[in-house]
Amino acid sequence: MNKDKGIYLAILLLTTLLLTFSKDAISDRGQNIDIQSYDKFLSNYTYPFEVYTYSFSSQGKDMKVAYMYLRPKKPQMGFVTLLHGKNFNGAYWEETAKFLHEKGFGILIPDQIGFGKSSKPVDYQYTFEVLSHNTKRLLEFLKIQSTHVIGHSMGGMLGSRFALLYPELTRHLILVNPIGLENYLLYSEYKDVDFFYRKESKLTSADIISYQKKYYYDGKWNEEYAKFANPLIGLMNGPDWKELAKISARVYDMIFTGSVIEDFPYFQIPVTLVLGTRDRTGPGRNWMKPNINYELGRYDKLGNKVKNYNSKIEVIELKNIGHAPQIEDFGRFRKVLEGIIKQK
């Protein structure tokens, strides 16, 4: 009897330890985050709204842009185009899209070429000019004559280039913690596509989570944050990552060589900057040029620097918010966004 009791207690202890370990793994990394696996088109990943495709030709290739499209509830409000960042696809704009749609706006959320459910050519010249042109063609296809543009992170660089190329299509540019508020190659060494391919090829789910915890969420992690990391981790765990890593490397090259900040004085449309001031995203930080005494990614200081380029740009700072305000604290972000759209 004592022997049976001892075995029972041992099994109970082992079960408790296993459950504790599983709970810790889930709370730290997000539920089931390590077992996600997606093909390059996120075929089994469900978007929050119906996904359409626009077929066209670019650089001699047949392309498809996947996009979500919500008709305006109040046609006089016009459209808002939401541009995603490098580590995301259009789906993470869900809450923002719902909020703006309820206000009456039509919503367009494209996955850029190389991202999400859109075509992913490896041998493609990825530039902000090309992606802007593709977005313009989509707007023309949908007969959208003008749009408010909201761009986050890399989408902010794209939105900036789009607004500079097509001011007649841009009613208002809203940049949410955009990268590109500094010309990174003034401070960091140039690294070629091969460098970034090697870097991306070694990427792990732990790397992705660690990066987002540090720069997005103040060291915190939960199921909501994990939900938005899952697509990228699933792609990395999927069958096409070697191909996607090559695309990612080309996108990095676009970010470093496609500086937009010098063109900010030439904006012809209203521009608002929404900056989470805790953000320290600074591409190139780990390979700075010798004898450079400059800290990249000080979003608590970048607002004033941008005003020096163009004093007409409105800067709204969100204290103690990181790189993704619309995810980290949608309530605060929504209030800011509501104030912006009421002005325009």
C-alpha atoms as a PDB file:
ATOM      1  CA  MET A   1       0.000   0.000   0.000  1.00  0.00           C
ATOM      2  CA  ASN A   2       2.799   2.411   0.878  1.00  0.00           C
ATOM      3  CA  LYS A   3       4.569   1.426  -2.337  1.00  0.00           C
ATOM      4  CA  ASP A   4       1.418   2.157  -4.391  1.00  0.00           C
ATOM      5  CA  LYS A   5       0.999   5.453  -2.592  1.00  0.00           C
ATOM      6  CA  GLY A   6       4.599   6.376  -3.383  1.00  0.00           C
ATOM      7  CA  ILE A   7       4.110   5.601  -7.072  1.00  0.00           C
ATOM      8  CA  TYR A   8       0.910   7.649  -7.087  1.00  0.00           C
ATOM      9  CA  LEU A   9       2.645  10.627  -5.496  1.00  0.00           C
ATOM     10  CA  ALA A  10       5.539  10.373  -7.957  1.00  0.00           C
ATOM     11  CA  ILE A  11       3.130  10.384 -10.910  1.00  0.00           C
ATOM     12  CA  LEU A  12       1.234  13.324  -9.416  1.00  0.00           C
ATOM     13  CA  LEU A  13       4.470  15.278  -8.931  1.00  0.00           C
ATOM     14  CA  LEU A  14       5.624  14.545 -12.481  1.00  0.00           C
ATOM     15  CA  THR A  15       2.264  15.596 -13.918  1.00  0.00           C
ATOM     16  CA  THR A  16       2.339  18.832 -11.930  1.00  0.00           C
ATOM     17  CA  LEU A  17       5.836  19.623 -13.167  1.00  0.00           C
ATOM     18  CA  LEU A  18       4.849  18.961 -16.781  1.00  0.00           C
ATOM     19  CA  LEU A  19       1.755  21.145 -16.497  1.00  0.00           C
ATOM     20  CA  THR A  20       3.759  23.927 -14.888  1.00  0.00           C
ATOM     21  CA  PHE A  21       6.359  23.751 -17.642  1.00  0.00           C
ATOM     22  CA  SER A  22       3.649  23.829 -20.320  1.00  0.00           C
ATOM     23  CA  LYS A  23       1.955  26.799 -18.663  1.00  0.00           C
ATOM     24  CA  ASP A  24       5.233  28.699 -18.475  1.00  0.00           C
ATOM     25  CA  ALA A  25       5.979  27.951 -22.117  1.00  0.00           C
ATOM     26  CA  ILE A  26       2.574  29.194 -23.196  1.00  0.00           C
ATOM     27  CA  SER A  27       2.672  32.365 -21.083  1.00  0.00           C
ATOM     28  CA  ASP A  28       6.155  33.265 -22.304  1.00  0.00           C
ATOM     29  CA  ARG A  29       5.872  32.368 -25.936  1.00  0.00           C
ATOM     30  CA  GLY A  30       2.185  32.513 -26.708  1.00  0.00           C
ATOM     31  CA  GLN A  31      -0.170  29.583 -26.992  1.00  0.00           C
ATOM     32  CA  ASN A  32       1.068  26.932 -29.465  1.00  0.00           C
ATOM     33  CA  ILE A  33       3.379  29.487 -31.040  1.00  0.00           C
ATOM     34  CA  ASP A  34       6.151  26.967 -31.689  1.00  0.00           C
ATOM     35  CA  ILE A  35       3.974  24.548 -33.661  1.00  0.00           C
ATOM     36  CA  GLN A  36       2.548  27.010 -36.173  1.00  0.00           C
ATOM     37  CA  SER A  37       3.549  26.325 -39.764  1.00  0.00           C
ATOM     38  CA  TYR A  38       2.380  28.218 -42.848  1.00  0.00           C
ATOM     39  CA  ASP A  39       3.206  28.119 -46.523  1.00  0.00           C
ATOM     40  CA  LYS A  40       4.406  31.295 -48.218  1.00  0.00           C
ATOM     41  CA  PHE A  41       0.867  32.463 -48.983  1.00  0.00           C
ATOM     42  CA  LEU A  42      -0.464  31.930 -45.453  1.00  0.00           C
ATOM     43  CA  SER A  43      -3.038  29.626 -47.048  1.00  0.00           C
ATOM     44  CA  ASN A  44      -4.278  28.269 -43.704  1.00  0.00           C
ATOM     45  CA  TYR A  45      -4.117  31.580 -41.855  1.00  0.00           C
ATOM     46  CA  THR A  46      -7.500  33.300 -41.597  1.00  0.00           C
ATOM     47  CA  TYR A  47      -7.733  37.057 -42.123  1.00  0.00           C
ATOM     48  CA  PRO A  48     -10.361  39.105 -40.254  1.00  0.00           C
ATOM     49  CA  PHE A  49     -12.185  40.243 -43.401  1.00  0.00           C
ATOM     50  CA  GLU A  50     -12.814  38.790 -46.842  1.00  0.00           C
ATOM     51  CA  VAL A  51      -9.654  38.686 -48.968  1.00  0.00           C
ATOM     52  CA  TYR A  52      -9.723  39.724 -52.624  1.00  0.00           C
ATOM     53  CA  THR A  53      -6.964  39.606 -55.222  1.00  0.00           C
ATOM     54  CA  TYR A  54      -5.896  42.069 -57.885  1.00  0.00           C
ATOM     55  CA  SER A  55      -3.943  40.577 -60.795  1.00  0.00           C
ATOM     56  CA  PHE A  56      -1.467  42.669 -62.754  1.00  0.00           C
ATOM     57  CA  SER A  57       1.953  42.543 -64.376  1.00  0.00           C
ATOM     58  CA  SER A  58       5.092  44.057 -62.863  1.00  0.00           C
ATOM     59  CA  GLN A  59       8.709  43.710 -63.969  1.00  0.00           C
ATOM     60  CA  GLY A  60       7.634  41.154 -66.554  1.00  0.00           C
ATOM     61  CA  LYS A  61       5.917  38.915 -64.000  1.00  0.00           C
ATOM     62  CA  ASP A  62       2.305  38.040 -63.307  1.00  0.00           C
ATOM     63  CA  MET A  63       1.455  39.326 -59.840  1.00  0.00           C
ATOM     64  CA  LYS A  64      -1.404  39.103 -57.396  1.00  0.00           C
ATOM     65  CA  VAL A  65      -1.949  41.566 -54.576  1.00  0.00           C
ATOM     66  CA  ALA A  66      -4.172  40.270 -51.798  1.00  0.00           C
ATOM     67  CA  TYR A  67      -6.258  42.935 -50.109  1.00  0.00           C
ATOM     68  CA  MET A  68      -9.153  43.468 -47.739  1.00  0.00           C
ATOM     69  CA  TYR A  69     -11.768  45.985 -48.793  1.00  0.00           C
ATOM     70  CA  LEU A  70     -14.639  47.417 -46.756  1.00  0.00           C
ATOM     71  CA  ARG A  71     -17.079  49.719 -48.504  1.00  0.00           C
ATOM     72  CA  PRO A  72     -17.643  53.078 -46.791  1.00  0.00           C
ATOM     73  CA  LYS A  73     -20.707  53.330 -44.577  1.00  0.00           C
ATOM     74  CA  LYS A  74     -20.716  57.072 -45.216  1.00  0.00           C
ATOM     75  CA  PRO A  75     -19.423  57.723 -48.756  1.00  0.00           C
ATOM     76  CA  GLN A  76     -18.624  61.343 -47.927  1.00  0.00           C
ATOM     77  CA  MET A  77     -15.976  60.119 -45.462  1.00  0.00           C
ATOM     78  CA  GLY A  78     -13.878  58.594 -48.216  1.00  0.00           C
ATOM     79  CA  PHE A  79     -11.298  55.843 -47.807  1.00  0.00           C
ATOM     80  CA  VAL A  80      -8.422  54.962 -45.503  1.00  0.00           C
ATOM     81  CA  THR A  81      -5.568  52.806 -46.810  1.00  0.00           C
ATOM     82  CA  LEU A  82      -3.668  50.909 -44.108  1.00  0.00           C
ATOM     83  CA  LEU A  83      -0.052  49.946 -44.854  1.00  0.00           C
ATOM     84  CA  HIS A  84       1.580  47.165 -42.832  1.00  0.00           C
ATOM     85  CA  GLY A  85       5.101  46.903 -41.434  1.00  0.00           C
ATOM     86  CA  LYS A  86       7.845  44.448 -42.345  1.00  0.00           C
ATOM     87  CA  ASN A  87       7.119  41.962 -39.563  1.00  0.00           C
ATOM     88  CA  PHE A  88       3.396  41.829 -40.261  1.00  0.00           C
ATOM     89  CA  ASN A  89       0.692  41.511 -42.890  1.00  0.00           C
ATOM     90  CA  GLY A  90      -2.519  43.449 -43.327  1.00  0.00           C
ATOM     91  CA  ALA A  91      -4.462  41.342 -40.819  1.00  0.00           C
ATOM     92  CA  TYR A  92      -2.981  43.089 -37.769  1.00  0.00           C
ATOM     93  CA  TRP A  93      -4.901  46.244 -38.718  1.00  0.00           C
ATOM     94  CA  GLU A  94      -8.169  44.524 -37.709  1.00  0.00           C
ATOM     95  CA  GLU A  95      -9.102  46.705 -34.730  1.00  0.00           C
ATOM     96  CA  THR A  96      -8.074  49.922 -36.477  1.00  0.00           C
ATOM     97  CA  ALA A  97     -10.076  48.947 -39.557  1.00  0.00           C
ATOM     98  CA  LYS A  98     -13.192  48.128 -37.525  1.00  0.00           C
ATOM     99  CA  PHE A  99     -12.967  51.425 -35.658  1.00  0.00           C
ATOM    100  CA  LEU A 100     -12.547  53.517 -38.812  1.00  0.00           C
ATOM    101  CA  HIS A 101     -15.229  51.575 -40.665  1.00  0.00           C
ATOM    102  CA  GLU A 102     -17.705  52.241 -37.861  1.00  0.00           C
ATOM    103  CA  LYS A 103     -16.875  55.930 -38.270  1.00  0.00           C
ATOM    104  CA  GLY A 104     -18.011  55.627 -41.871  1.00  0.00           C
ATOM    105  CA  PHE A 105     -14.736  55.292 -43.783  1.00  0.00           C
ATOM    106  CA  GLY A 106     -14.111  52.809 -46.539  1.00  0.00           C
ATOM    107  CA  ILE A 107     -11.102  50.638 -45.761  1.00  0.00           C
ATOM    108  CA  LEU A 108      -8.389  49.247 -48.018  1.00  0.00           C
ATOM    109  CA  ILE A 109      -5.731  46.948 -46.534  1.00  0.00           C
ATOM    110  CA  PRO A 110      -3.299  45.564 -49.107  1.00  0.00           C
ATOM    111  CA  ASP A 111      -0.619  42.974 -48.511  1.00  0.00           C
ATOM    112  CA  GLN A 112       2.364  44.363 -50.379  1.00  0.00           C
ATOM    113  CA  ILE A 113       4.154  42.203 -52.924  1.00  0.00           C
ATOM    114  CA  GLY A 114       6.455  39.946 -50.894  1.00  0.00           C
ATOM    115  CA  PHE A 115       4.135  39.868 -47.876  1.00  0.00           C
ATOM    116  CA  GLY A 116       1.060  38.150 -46.496  1.00  0.00           C
ATOM    117  CA  LYS A 117      -1.080  36.427 -49.103  1.00  0.00           C
ATOM    118  CA  SER A 118       0.333  38.380 -52.063  1.00  0.00           C
ATOM    119  CA  SER A 119       2.809  37.175 -54.690  1.00  0.00           C
ATOM    120  CA  LYS A 120       6.359  36.652 -53.454  1.00  0.00           C
ATOM    121  CA  PRO A 121       8.868  36.869 -56.296  1.00  0.00           C
ATOM    122  CA  VAL A 122      12.469  36.452 -55.207  1.00  0.00           C
ATOM    123  CA  ASP A 123      13.979  38.060 -58.304  1.00  0.00           C
ATOM    124  CA  TYR A 124      12.084  41.347 -57.958  1.00  0.00           C
ATOM    125  CA  GLN A 125      13.401  44.864 -57.520  1.00  0.00           C
ATOM    126  CA  TYR A 126      11.871  45.774 -54.171  1.00  0.00           C
ATOM    127  CA  THR A 127      11.753  49.558 -53.810  1.00  0.00           C
ATOM    128  CA  PHE A 128       9.343  51.905 -52.108  1.00  0.00           C
ATOM    129  CA  GLU A 129       8.708  53.465 -55.499  1.00  0.00           C
ATOM    130  CA  VAL A 130       7.627  50.130 -56.987  1.00  0.00           C
ATOM    131  CA  LEU A 131       5.417  49.242 -54.014  1.00  0.00           C
ATOM    132  CA  SER A 132       3.885  52.734 -54.147  1.00  0.00           C
ATOM    133  CA  HIS A 133       3.166  52.301 -57.843  1.00  0.00           C
ATOM    134  CA  ASN A 134       1.561  48.909 -57.210  1.00  0.00           C
ATOM    135  CA  THR A 135      -0.633  50.488 -54.521  1.00  0.00           C
ATOM    136  CA  LYS A 136      -1.632  53.279 -56.899  1.00  0.00           C
ATOM    137  CA  ARG A 137      -2.654  50.707 -59.503  1.00  0.00           C
ATOM    138  CA  LEU A 138      -4.802  48.926 -56.918  1.00  0.00           C
ATOM    139  CA  LEU A 139      -6.511  52.203 -56.006  1.00  0.00           C
ATOM    140  CA  GLU A 140      -7.203  52.863 -59.672  1.00  0.00           C
ATOM    141  CA  PHE A 141      -8.572  49.339 -60.120  1.00  0.00           C
ATOM    142  CA  LEU A 142     -10.975  49.951 -57.220  1.00  0.00           C
ATOM    143  CA  LYS A 143     -11.810  53.435 -58.548  1.00  0.00           C
ATOM    144  CA  ILE A 144     -10.660  55.083 -55.316  1.00  0.00           C
ATOM    145  CA  GLN A 145      -9.801  58.644 -56.322  1.00  0.00           C
ATOM    146  CA  SER A 146      -8.182  59.700 -53.048  1.00  0.00           C
ATOM    147  CA  THR A 147      -7.412  58.187 -49.675  1.00  0.00           C
ATOM    148  CA  HIS A 148      -6.146  58.853 -46.196  1.00  0.00           C
ATOM    149  CA  VAL A 149      -2.971  56.811 -45.757  1.00  0.00           C
ATOM    150  CA  ILE A 150      -1.937  55.258 -42.439  1.00  0.00           C
ATOM    151  CA  GLY A 151       1.434  53.521 -42.411  1.00  0.00           C
ATOM    152  CA  HIS A 152       3.103  51.697 -39.539  1.00  0.00           C
ATOM    153  CA  SER A 153       6.827  50.904 -39.246  1.00  0.00           C
ATOM    154  CA  MET A 154       8.057  50.005 -42.764  1.00  0.00           C
ATOM    155  CA  GLY A 155       4.567  50.936 -43.939  1.00  0.00           C
ATOM    156  CA  GLY A 156       5.390  54.455 -42.786  1.00  0.00           C
ATOM    157  CA  MET A 157       8.322  54.610 -45.198  1.00  0.00           C
ATOM    158  CA  LEU A 158       6.069  53.275 -47.950  1.00  0.00           C
ATOM    159  CA  GLY A 159       3.315  55.747 -47.067  1.00  0.00           C
ATOM    160  CA  SER A 160       5.821  58.607 -47.129  1.00  0.00           C
ATOM    161  CA  ARG A 161       7.086  57.626 -50.559  1.00  0.00           C
ATOM    162  CA  PHE A 162       3.520  57.145 -51.822  1.00  0.00           C
ATOM    163  CA  ALA A 163       2.463  60.599 -50.595  1.00  0.00           C
ATOM    164  CA  LEU A 164       5.521  62.210 -52.175  1.00  0.00           C
ATOM    165  CA  LEU A 165       4.910  60.480 -55.500  1.00  0.00           C
ATOM    166  CA  TYR A 166       1.129  60.849 -55.538  1.00  0.00           C
ATOM    167  CA  PRO A 167       0.036  63.874 -53.500  1.00  0.00           C
ATOM    168  CA  GLU A 168      -3.110  64.135 -55.619  1.00  0.00           C
ATOM    169  CA  LEU A 169      -4.231  60.733 -54.280  1.00  0.00           C
ATOM    170  CA  THR A 170      -3.276  61.383 -50.642  1.00  0.00           C
ATOM    171  CA  ARG A 171      -5.719  63.308 -48.468  1.00  0.00           C
ATOM    172  CA  HIS A 172      -3.771  62.921 -45.228  1.00  0.00           C
ATOM    173  CA  LEU A 173      -0.683  60.916 -44.271  1.00  0.00           C
ATOM    174  CA  ILE A 174      -0.605  59.411 -40.776  1.00  0.00           C
ATOM    175  CA  LEU A 175       2.659  57.732 -39.774  1.00  0.00           C
ATOM    176  CA  VAL A 176       2.547  55.396 -36.775  1.00  0.00           C
ATOM    177  CA  ASN A 177       6.013  54.761 -35.339  1.00  0.00           C
ATOM    178  CA  PRO A 178       7.475  54.693 -38.825  1.00  0.00           C
ATOM    179  CA  ILE A 179      10.996  53.566 -39.427  1.00  0.00           C
ATOM    180  CA  GLY A 180      12.976  55.786 -41.778  1.00  0.00           C
ATOM    181  CA  LEU A 181      12.852  58.942 -39.664  1.00  0.00           C
ATOM    182  CA  GLU A 182      16.644  58.712 -39.843  1.00  0.00           C
ATOM    183  CA  ASN A 183      18.888  57.987 -42.815  1.00  0.00           C
ATOM    184  CA  TYR A 184      20.395  54.838 -41.377  1.00  0.00           C
ATOM    185  CA  LEU A 185      23.367  54.727 -43.728  1.00  0.00           C
ATOM    186  CA  LEU A 186      24.624  58.040 -42.373  1.00  0.00           C
ATOM    187  CA  TYR A 187      25.385  56.217 -39.147  1.00  0.00           C
ATOM    188  CA  SER A 188      25.619  52.498 -39.872  1.00  0.00           C
ATOM    189  CA  GLU A 189      27.704  50.471 -42.272  1.00  0.00           C
ATOM    190  CA  TYR A 190      26.073  49.206 -45.452  1.00  0.00           C
ATOM    191  CA  LYS A 191      25.337  45.482 -45.380  1.00  0.00           C
ATOM    192  CA  ASP A 192      24.454  43.692 -48.595  1.00  0.00           C
ATOM    193  CA  VAL A 193      21.623  41.295 -49.401  1.00  0.00           C
ATOM    194  CA  ASP A 194      23.827  38.263 -48.698  1.00  0.00           C
ATOM    195  CA  PHE A 195      24.449  39.508 -45.157  1.00  0.00           C
ATOM    196  CA  PHE A 196      20.741  39.803 -44.464  1.00  0.00           C
ATOM    197  CA  TYR A 197      19.992  36.452 -46.075  1.00  0.00           C
ATOM    198  CA  ARG A 198      22.429  34.750 -43.730  1.00  0.00           C
ATOM    199  CA  LYS A 199      20.899  36.632 -40.817  1.00  0.00           C
ATOM    200  CA  GLU A 200      17.315  35.734 -41.748  1.00  0.00           C
ATOM    201  CA  SER A 201      18.221  32.092 -42.428  1.00  0.00           C
ATOM    202  CA  LYS A 202      19.303  31.699 -38.798  1.00  0.00           C
ATOM    203  CA  LEU A 203      16.184  33.352 -37.359  1.00  0.00           C
ATOM    204  CA  THR A 204      14.300  31.438 -34.661  1.00  0.00           C
ATOM    205  CA  SER A 205      10.935  31.888 -32.996  1.00  0.00           C
ATOM    206  CA  ALA A 206      12.776  32.873 -29.818  1.00  0.00           C
ATOM    207  CA  ASP A 207      14.555  35.643 -31.752  1.00  0.00           C
ATOM    208  CA  ILE A 208      11.255  37.031 -33.028  1.00  0.00           C
ATOM    209  CA  ILE A 209       9.621  36.964 -29.615  1.00  0.00           C
ATOM    210  CA  SER A 210      12.643  38.473 -27.878  1.00  0.00           C
ATOM    211  CA  TYR A 211      12.807  41.327 -30.401  1.00  0.00           C
ATOM    212  CA  GLN A 212       9.115  42.144 -30.191  1.00  0.00           C
ATOM    213  CA  LYS A 213       9.085  41.955 -26.396  1.00  0.00           C
ATOM    214  CA  LYS A 214      11.971  44.417 -26.240  1.00  0.00           C
ATOM    215  CA  TYR A 215      10.913  46.993 -28.821  1.00  0.00           C
ATOM    216  CA  TYR A 216       7.139  46.596 -28.950  1.00  0.00           C
ATOM    217  CA  TYR A 217       5.829  45.564 -25.547  1.00  0.00           C
ATOM    218  CA  ASP A 218       8.185  46.685 -22.765  1.00  0.00           C
ATOM    219  CA  GLY A 219       9.362  43.155 -22.002  1.00  0.00           C
ATOM    220  CA  LYS A 220       5.825  41.794 -21.711  1.00  0.00           C
ATOM    221  CA  TRP A 221       4.220  38.949 -23.655  1.00  0.00           C
ATOM    222  CA  ASN A 222       0.690  37.581 -23.805  1.00  0.00           C
ATOM    223  CA  GLU A 223      -1.655  35.719 -26.127  1.00  0.00           C
ATOM    224  CA  GLU A 224      -2.714  38.922 -27.893  1.00  0.00           C
ATOM    225  CA  TYR A 225       0.877  39.825 -28.739  1.00  0.00           C
ATOM    226  CA  ALA A 226       1.592  36.210 -29.697  1.00  0.00           C
ATOM    227  CA  LYS A 227      -1.366  36.227 -32.083  1.00  0.00           C
ATOM    228  CA  PHE A 228       0.299  38.882 -34.211  1.00  0.00           C
ATOM    229  CA  ALA A 229       3.689  37.175 -34.113  1.00  0.00           C
ATOM    230  CA  ASN A 230       2.234  33.818 -35.167  1.00  0.00           C
ATOM    231  CA  PRO A 231       2.143  34.473 -38.941  1.00  0.00           C
ATOM    232  CA  LEU A 232       5.835  35.379 -39.109  1.00  0.00           C
ATOM    233  CA  ILE A 233       6.836  32.478 -36.883  1.00  0.00           C
ATOM    234  CA  GLY A 234       4.608  30.140 -38.877  1.00  0.00           C
ATOM    235  CA  LEU A 235       6.277  31.225 -42.110  1.00  0.00           C
ATOM    236  CA  MET A 236       9.675  30.675 -40.537  1.00  0.00           C
ATOM    237  CA  ASN A 237       8.598  27.179 -39.465  1.00  0.00           C
ATOM    238  CA  GLY A 238       7.023  26.448 -42.843  1.00  0.00           C
ATOM    239  CA  PRO A 239       8.324  24.839 -46.048  1.00  0.00           C
ATOM    240  CA  ASP A 240       9.137  28.088 -47.876  1.00  0.00           C
ATOM    241  CA  TRP A 241      11.320  29.965 -45.397  1.00  0.00           C
ATOM    242  CA  LYS A 242      14.506  29.655 -47.456  1.00  0.00           C
ATOM    243  CA  GLU A 243      12.753  31.465 -50.302  1.00  0.00           C
ATOM    244  CA  LEU A 244      11.099  33.992 -47.993  1.00  0.00           C
ATOM    245  CA  ALA A 245      14.420  34.745 -46.282  1.00  0.00           C
ATOM    246  CA  LYS A 246      15.773  35.868 -49.656  1.00  0.00           C
ATOM    247  CA  ILE A 247      12.821  38.222 -50.068  1.00  0.00           C
ATOM    248  CA  SER A 248      13.251  39.530 -46.530  1.00  0.00           C
ATOM    249  CA  ALA A 249      16.911  40.254 -47.280  1.00  0.00           C
ATOM    250  CA  ARG A 250      15.916  42.327 -50.312  1.00  0.00           C
ATOM    251  CA  VAL A 251      13.364  44.210 -48.236  1.00  0.00           C
ATOM    252  CA  TYR A 252      16.062  45.058 -45.696  1.00  0.00           C
ATOM    253  CA  ASP A 253      18.151  46.444 -48.538  1.00  0.00           C
ATOM    254  CA  MET A 254      15.170  48.558 -49.600  1.00  0.00           C
ATOM    255  CA  ILE A 255      14.842  49.950 -46.078  1.00  0.00           C
ATOM    256  CA  PHE A 256      18.493  50.934 -45.821  1.00  0.00           C
ATOM    257  CA  THR A 257      18.878  52.332 -49.340  1.00  0.00           C
ATOM    258  CA  GLY A 258      15.416  53.876 -49.714  1.00  0.00           C
ATOM    259  CA  SER A 259      15.738  56.755 -47.254  1.00  0.00           C
ATOM    260  CA  VAL A 260      12.699  59.053 -47.191  1.00  0.00           C
ATOM    261  CA  ILE A 261      13.443  61.540 -44.401  1.00  0.00           C
ATOM    262  CA  GLU A 262      15.290  63.994 -46.664  1.00  0.00           C
ATOM    263  CA  ASP A 263      12.114  64.404 -48.696  1.00  0.00           C
ATOM    264  CA  PHE A 264       9.909  65.401 -45.761  1.00  0.00           C
ATOM    265  CA  PRO A 265      10.248  69.144 -46.545  1.00  0.00           C
ATOM    266  CA  TYR A 266       8.463  68.496 -49.841  1.00  0.00           C
ATOM    267  CA  PHE A 267       5.202  67.088 -48.514  1.00  0.00           C
ATOM    268  CA  GLN A 268       2.242  68.810 -50.124  1.00  0.00           C
ATOM    269  CA  ILE A 269      -0.413  67.199 -47.943  1.00  0.00           C
ATOM    270  CA  PRO A 270      -1.246  67.163 -44.213  1.00  0.00           C
ATOM    271  CA  VAL A 271       1.064  64.845 -42.265  1.00  0.00           C
ATOM    272  CA  THR A 272       0.649  63.569 -38.711  1.00  0.00           C
ATOM    273  CA  LEU A 273       3.248  61.573 -36.809  1.00  0.00           C
ATOM    274  CA  VAL A 274       2.046  59.295 -33.986  1.00  0.00           C
ATOM    275  CA  LEU A 275       5.055  58.204 -31.938  1.00  0.00           C
ATOM    276  CA  GLY A 276       5.228  55.772 -29.052  1.00  0.00           C
ATOM    277  CA  THR A 277       8.170  57.353 -27.243  1.00  0.00           C
ATOM    278  CA  ARG A 278       9.464  54.154 -25.605  1.00  0.00           C
ATOM    279  CA  ASP A 279      10.298  52.743 -29.048  1.00  0.00           C
ATOM    280  CA  ARG A 280      13.999  52.265 -29.756  1.00  0.00           C
ATOM    281  CA  THR A 281      13.765  50.579 -33.169  1.00  0.00           C
ATOM    282  CA  GLY A 282      16.991  51.470 -34.969  1.00  0.00           C
ATOM    283  CA  PRO A 283      17.944  49.368 -38.007  1.00  0.00           C
ATOM    284  CA  GLY A 284      21.740  49.229 -38.254  1.00  0.00           C
ATOM    285  CA  ARG A 285      22.336  49.717 -34.540  1.00  0.00           C
ATOM    286  CA  ASN A 286      24.521  46.615 -34.363  1.00  0.00           C
ATOM    287  CA  TRP A 287      26.919  47.670 -37.137  1.00  0.00           C
ATOM    288  CA  MET A 288      27.515  51.363 -36.593  1.00  0.00           C
ATOM    289  CA  LYS A 289      30.331  53.140 -38.416  1.00  0.00           C
ATOM    290  CA  PRO A 290      33.516  53.719 -36.399  1.00  0.00           C
ATOM    291  CA  ASN A 291      33.627  56.864 -34.272  1.00  0.00           C
ATOM    292  CA  ILE A 292      29.908  57.557 -34.651  1.00  0.00           C
ATOM    293  CA  ASN A 293      28.464  58.873 -31.407  1.00  0.00           C
ATOM    294  CA  TYR A 294      24.779  58.719 -32.257  1.00  0.00           C
ATOM    295  CA  GLU A 295      21.964  56.552 -30.908  1.00  0.00           C
ATOM    296  CA  LEU A 296      19.538  55.297 -33.519  1.00  0.00           C
ATOM    297  CA  GLY A 297      15.858  54.892 -32.757  1.00  0.00           C
ATOM    298  CA  ARG A 298      15.289  57.493 -30.044  1.00  0.00           C
ATOM    299  CA  TYR A 299      11.608  57.991 -30.792  1.00  0.00           C
ATOM    300  CA  ASP A 300      11.342  60.239 -27.768  1.00  0.00           C
ATOM    301  CA  LYS A 301      13.543  62.693 -29.693  1.00  0.00           C
ATOM    302  CA  LEU A 302      12.672  62.000 -33.326  1.00  0.00           C
ATOM    303  CA  GLY A 303       9.496  64.082 -33.290  1.00  0.00           C
ATOM    304  CA  ASN A 304      11.444  67.296 -32.775  1.00  0.00           C
ATOM    305  CA  LYS A 305      13.986  66.281 -35.415  1.00  0.00           C
ATOM    306  CA  VAL A 306      11.205  65.723 -37.925  1.00  0.00           C
ATOM    307  CA  LYS A 307       9.766  69.155 -37.123  1.00  0.00           C
ATOM    308  CA  ASN A 308      13.130  70.603 -38.119  1.00  0.00           C
ATOM    309  CA  TYR A 309      12.628  69.117 -41.572  1.00  0.00           C
ATOM    310  CA  ASN A 310       9.063  70.357 -41.866  1.00  0.00           C
ATOM    311  CA  SER A 311       7.453  72.499 -39.174  1.00  0.00           C
ATOM    312  CA  LYS A 312       3.970  71.846 -40.600  1.00  0.00           C
ATOM    313  CA  ILE A 313       4.079  68.175 -39.633  1.00  0.00           C
ATOM    314  CA  GLU A 314       1.909  67.429 -36.601  1.00  0.00           C
ATOM    315  CA  VAL A 315       3.624  65.289 -33.960  1.00  0.00           C
ATOM    316  CA  ILE A 316       1.608  63.397 -31.340  1.00  0.00           C
ATOM    317  CA  GLU A 317       3.598  61.517 -28.712  1.00  0.00           C
ATOM    318  CA  LEU A 318       2.334  58.518 -26.763  1.00  0.00           C
ATOM    319  CA  LYS A 319       4.362  58.290 -23.582  1.00  0.00           C
ATOM    320  CA  ASN A 320       5.520  54.845 -22.462  1.00  0.00           C
ATOM    321  CA  ILE A 321       4.330  53.119 -25.640  1.00  0.00           C
ATOM    322  CA  GLY A 322       6.587  51.068 -27.898  1.00  0.00           C
ATOM    323  CA  HIS A 323       6.819  50.339 -31.599  1.00  0.00           C
ATOM    324  CA  ALA A 324       3.249  49.087 -32.143  1.00  0.00           C
ATOM    325  CA  PRO A 325       0.781  51.431 -30.394  1.00  0.00           C
ATOM    326  CA  GLN A 326      -2.229  49.963 -32.220  1.00  0.00           C
ATOM    327  CA  ILE A 327      -1.482  46.572 -30.631  1.00  0.00           C
ATOM    328  CA  GLU A 328       0.048  47.466 -27.271  1.00  0.00           C
ATOM    329  CA  ASP A 329      -2.656  49.924 -26.212  1.00  0.00           C
ATOM    330  CA  PHE A 330      -5.411  50.209 -28.784  1.00  0.00           C
ATOM    331  CA  GLY A 331      -7.536  52.301 -26.420  1.00  0.00           C
ATOM    332  CA  ARG A 332      -4.989  55.123 -26.335  1.00  0.00           C
ATOM    333  CA  PHE A 333      -4.254  54.755 -30.021  1.00  0.00           C
ATOM    334  CA  ARG A 334      -7.952  54.915 -30.884  1.00  0.00           C
ATOM    335  CA  LYS A 335      -8.423  58.166 -28.959  1.00  0.00           C
ATOM    336  CA  VAL A 336      -5.488  59.742 -30.784  1.00  0.00           C
ATOM    337  CA  LEU A 337      -6.727  58.498 -34.143  1.00  0.00           C
ATOM    338  CA  GLU A 338     -10.226  59.778 -33.454  1.00  0.00           C
ATOM    339  CA  GLY A 339      -8.818  63.212 -32.671  1.00  0.00           C
ATOM    340  CA  ILE A 340      -6.835  63.207 -35.900  1.00  0.00           C
ATOM    341  CA  ILE A 341      -9.738  62.250 -38.157  1.00  0.00           C
ATOM    342  CA  LYS A 342     -12.004  64.831 -36.509  1.00  0.00           C
ATOM    343  CA  GLN A 343      -9.561  67.560 -37.512  1.00  0.00           C
ATOM    344  CA  LYS A 344      -9.424  66.631 -41.177  1.00  0.00           C
END
